[in-house]
Amino acid sequence: MIPKNHKKKMAKNQMPVAKKSSGLKKVLSFVAWLTGVIVSLVVGNALIIGTLVLPQWLGGDTQAGIIVAMAVGWIVIITTLLSVVLAIIHAIR
């Protein structure tokens, strides 16, 4: 068992390395997040207007399938917008 106050011994010339978050990593993370938001909104919109339909085994072009696809599209759009708002609130805090 290691005592609580025990520290790892380091060589004299070795300095502890702080974790750095590079600017490029932050930009790439933001671009990936923004791309995900845009794709989600496009897919949700396509489900609502009927450009994208469910597979045949899930109802496809039937009236029930169209209603389910529209509902799923609205769910995708609402949850995406909610996540954007929450991400902005989290970034501000």
C-alpha atoms as a PDB file:
ATOM      1  CA  MET A   1       0.000   0.000   0.000  1.00  0.00           C
ATOM      2  CA  ILE A   2       1.337   3.430  -0.982  1.00  0.00           C
ATOM      3  CA  PRO A   3       1.071   6.199   1.634  1.00  0.00           C
ATOM      4  CA  LYS A   4      -1.066   9.195   0.721  1.00  0.00           C
ATOM      5  CA  ASN A   5       1.787  11.678   0.952  1.00  0.00           C
ATOM      6  CA  HIS A   6       4.097   9.565  -1.231  1.00  0.00           C
ATOM      7  CA  LYS A   7       5.187  11.266  -4.445  1.00  0.00           C
ATOM      8  CA  LYS A   8       6.802   9.619  -7.419  1.00  0.00           C
ATOM      9  CA  LYS A   9      10.501  10.267  -7.516  1.00  0.00           C
ATOM     10  CA  MET A  10      11.666  12.058 -10.629  1.00  0.00           C
ATOM     11  CA  ALA A  11      15.108  12.505 -12.033  1.00  0.00           C
ATOM     12  CA  LYS A  12      16.691  15.864 -11.175  1.00  0.00           C
ATOM     13  CA  ASN A  13      16.578  17.087 -14.758  1.00  0.00           C
ATOM     14  CA  GLN A  14      13.027  15.863 -15.370  1.00  0.00           C
ATOM     15  CA  MET A  15      10.214  18.389 -15.088  1.00  0.00           C
ATOM     16  CA  PRO A  16       6.558  17.468 -14.670  1.00  0.00           C
ATOM     17  CA  VAL A  17       4.717  17.806 -17.949  1.00  0.00           C
ATOM     18  CA  ALA A  18       1.487  19.752 -17.905  1.00  0.00           C
ATOM     19  CA  LYS A  19      -1.216  18.614 -20.274  1.00  0.00           C
ATOM     20  CA  LYS A  20      -1.533  21.195 -23.004  1.00  0.00           C
ATOM     21  CA  SER A  21      -4.534  21.685 -25.206  1.00  0.00           C
ATOM     22  CA  SER A  22      -3.249  23.012 -28.489  1.00  0.00           C
ATOM     23  CA  GLY A  23      -5.180  25.611 -30.426  1.00  0.00           C
ATOM     24  CA  LEU A  24      -5.338  23.306 -33.433  1.00  0.00           C
ATOM     25  CA  LYS A  25      -6.949  20.569 -31.354  1.00  0.00           C
ATOM     26  CA  LYS A  26      -9.599  23.006 -30.124  1.00  0.00           C
ATOM     27  CA  VAL A  27     -10.323  24.209 -33.664  1.00  0.00           C
ATOM     28  CA  LEU A  28     -10.596  20.650 -35.000  1.00  0.00           C
ATOM     29  CA  SER A  29     -12.895  19.672 -32.126  1.00  0.00           C
ATOM     30  CA  PHE A  30     -15.123  22.661 -32.841  1.00  0.00           C
ATOM     31  CA  VAL A  31     -15.225  21.880 -36.578  1.00  0.00           C
ATOM     32  CA  ALA A  32     -16.152  18.247 -35.852  1.00  0.00           C
ATOM     33  CA  TRP A  33     -18.870  19.360 -33.414  1.00  0.00           C
ATOM     34  CA  LEU A  34     -20.258  21.927 -35.867  1.00  0.00           C
ATOM     35  CA  THR A  35     -20.251  19.352 -38.667  1.00  0.00           C
ATOM     36  CA  GLY A  36     -22.239  16.980 -36.461  1.00  0.00           C
ATOM     37  CA  VAL A  37     -24.777  19.693 -35.681  1.00  0.00           C
ATOM     38  CA  ILE A  38     -25.208  20.581 -39.362  1.00  0.00           C
ATOM     39  CA  VAL A  39     -25.564  16.937 -40.418  1.00  0.00           C
ATOM     40  CA  SER A  40     -28.116  16.299 -37.667  1.00  0.00           C
ATOM     41  CA  LEU A  41     -30.198  19.286 -38.735  1.00  0.00           C
ATOM     42  CA  VAL A  42     -30.055  18.250 -42.398  1.00  0.00           C
ATOM     43  CA  VAL A  43     -31.097  14.667 -41.611  1.00  0.00           C
ATOM     44  CA  GLY A  44     -33.917  15.853 -39.355  1.00  0.00           C
ATOM     45  CA  ASN A  45     -35.146  18.226 -42.041  1.00  0.00           C
ATOM     46  CA  ALA A  46     -34.959  15.513 -44.704  1.00  0.00           C
ATOM     47  CA  LEU A  47     -37.042  13.196 -42.515  1.00  0.00           C
ATOM     48  CA  ILE A  48     -39.662  15.888 -41.965  1.00  0.00           C
ATOM     49  CA  ILE A  49     -40.107  16.931 -45.601  1.00  0.00           C
ATOM     50  CA  GLY A  50     -39.994  13.355 -46.894  1.00  0.00           C
ATOM     51  CA  THR A  51     -36.718  13.363 -48.802  1.00  0.00           C
ATOM     52  CA  LEU A  52     -35.473  10.638 -46.475  1.00  0.00           C
ATOM     53  CA  VAL A  53     -37.830   7.748 -45.730  1.00  0.00           C
ATOM     54  CA  LEU A  54     -37.705   4.801 -43.407  1.00  0.00           C
ATOM     55  CA  PRO A  55     -36.766   1.371 -44.745  1.00  0.00           C
ATOM     56  CA  GLN A  56     -39.623  -0.773 -46.029  1.00  0.00           C
ATOM     57  CA  TRP A  57     -39.517  -3.069 -42.980  1.00  0.00           C
ATOM     58  CA  LEU A  58     -40.122  -0.026 -40.724  1.00  0.00           C
ATOM     59  CA  GLY A  59     -43.099   1.251 -42.671  1.00  0.00           C
ATOM     60  CA  GLY A  60     -41.336   2.890 -45.591  1.00  0.00           C
ATOM     61  CA  ASP A  61     -43.752   4.866 -47.768  1.00  0.00           C
ATOM     62  CA  THR A  62     -46.871   3.913 -45.828  1.00  0.00           C
ATOM     63  CA  GLN A  63     -48.813   6.618 -44.008  1.00  0.00           C
ATOM     64  CA  ALA A  64     -47.657   5.257 -40.641  1.00  0.00           C
ATOM     65  CA  GLY A  65     -44.037   5.207 -41.832  1.00  0.00           C
ATOM     66  CA  ILE A  66     -44.259   8.811 -43.010  1.00  0.00           C
ATOM     67  CA  ILE A  67     -45.696   9.920 -39.660  1.00  0.00           C
ATOM     68  CA  VAL A  68     -42.993   8.053 -37.736  1.00  0.00           C
ATOM     69  CA  ALA A  69     -40.289   9.556 -39.971  1.00  0.00           C
ATOM     70  CA  MET A  70     -41.661  13.059 -39.380  1.00  0.00           C
ATOM     71  CA  ALA A  71     -41.773  12.472 -35.626  1.00  0.00           C
ATOM     72  CA  VAL A  72     -38.216  11.177 -35.623  1.00  0.00           C
ATOM     73  CA  GLY A  73     -37.133  14.168 -37.712  1.00  0.00           C
ATOM     74  CA  TRP A  74     -38.626  16.594 -35.187  1.00  0.00           C
ATOM     75  CA  ILE A  75     -36.991  14.687 -32.331  1.00  0.00           C
ATOM     76  CA  VAL A  76     -33.614  14.923 -34.082  1.00  0.00           C
ATOM     77  CA  ILE A  77     -33.997  18.667 -34.693  1.00  0.00           C
ATOM     78  CA  ILE A  78     -35.230  19.472 -31.175  1.00  0.00           C
ATOM     79  CA  THR A  79     -32.545  17.431 -29.425  1.00  0.00           C
ATOM     80  CA  THR A  80     -29.837  18.896 -31.671  1.00  0.00           C
ATOM     81  CA  LEU A  81     -30.921  22.453 -30.939  1.00  0.00           C
ATOM     82  CA  LEU A  82     -31.183  21.635 -27.236  1.00  0.00           C
ATOM     83  CA  SER A  83     -27.641  20.253 -27.244  1.00  0.00           C
ATOM     84  CA  VAL A  84     -26.378  23.403 -28.992  1.00  0.00           C
ATOM     85  CA  VAL A  85     -28.002  25.612 -26.349  1.00  0.00           C
ATOM     86  CA  LEU A  86     -26.594  23.460 -23.536  1.00  0.00           C
ATOM     87  CA  ALA A  87     -23.117  23.515 -25.111  1.00  0.00           C
ATOM     88  CA  ILE A  88     -23.225  27.320 -25.314  1.00  0.00           C
ATOM     89  CA  ILE A  89     -24.365  27.557 -21.687  1.00  0.00           C
ATOM     90  CA  HIS A  90     -21.572  25.170 -20.658  1.00  0.00           C
ATOM     91  CA  ALA A  91     -18.978  27.221 -22.578  1.00  0.00           C
ATOM     92  CA  ILE A  92     -20.123  30.456 -20.934  1.00  0.00           C
ATOM     93  CA  ARG A  93     -19.871  29.052 -17.415  1.00  0.00           C
END
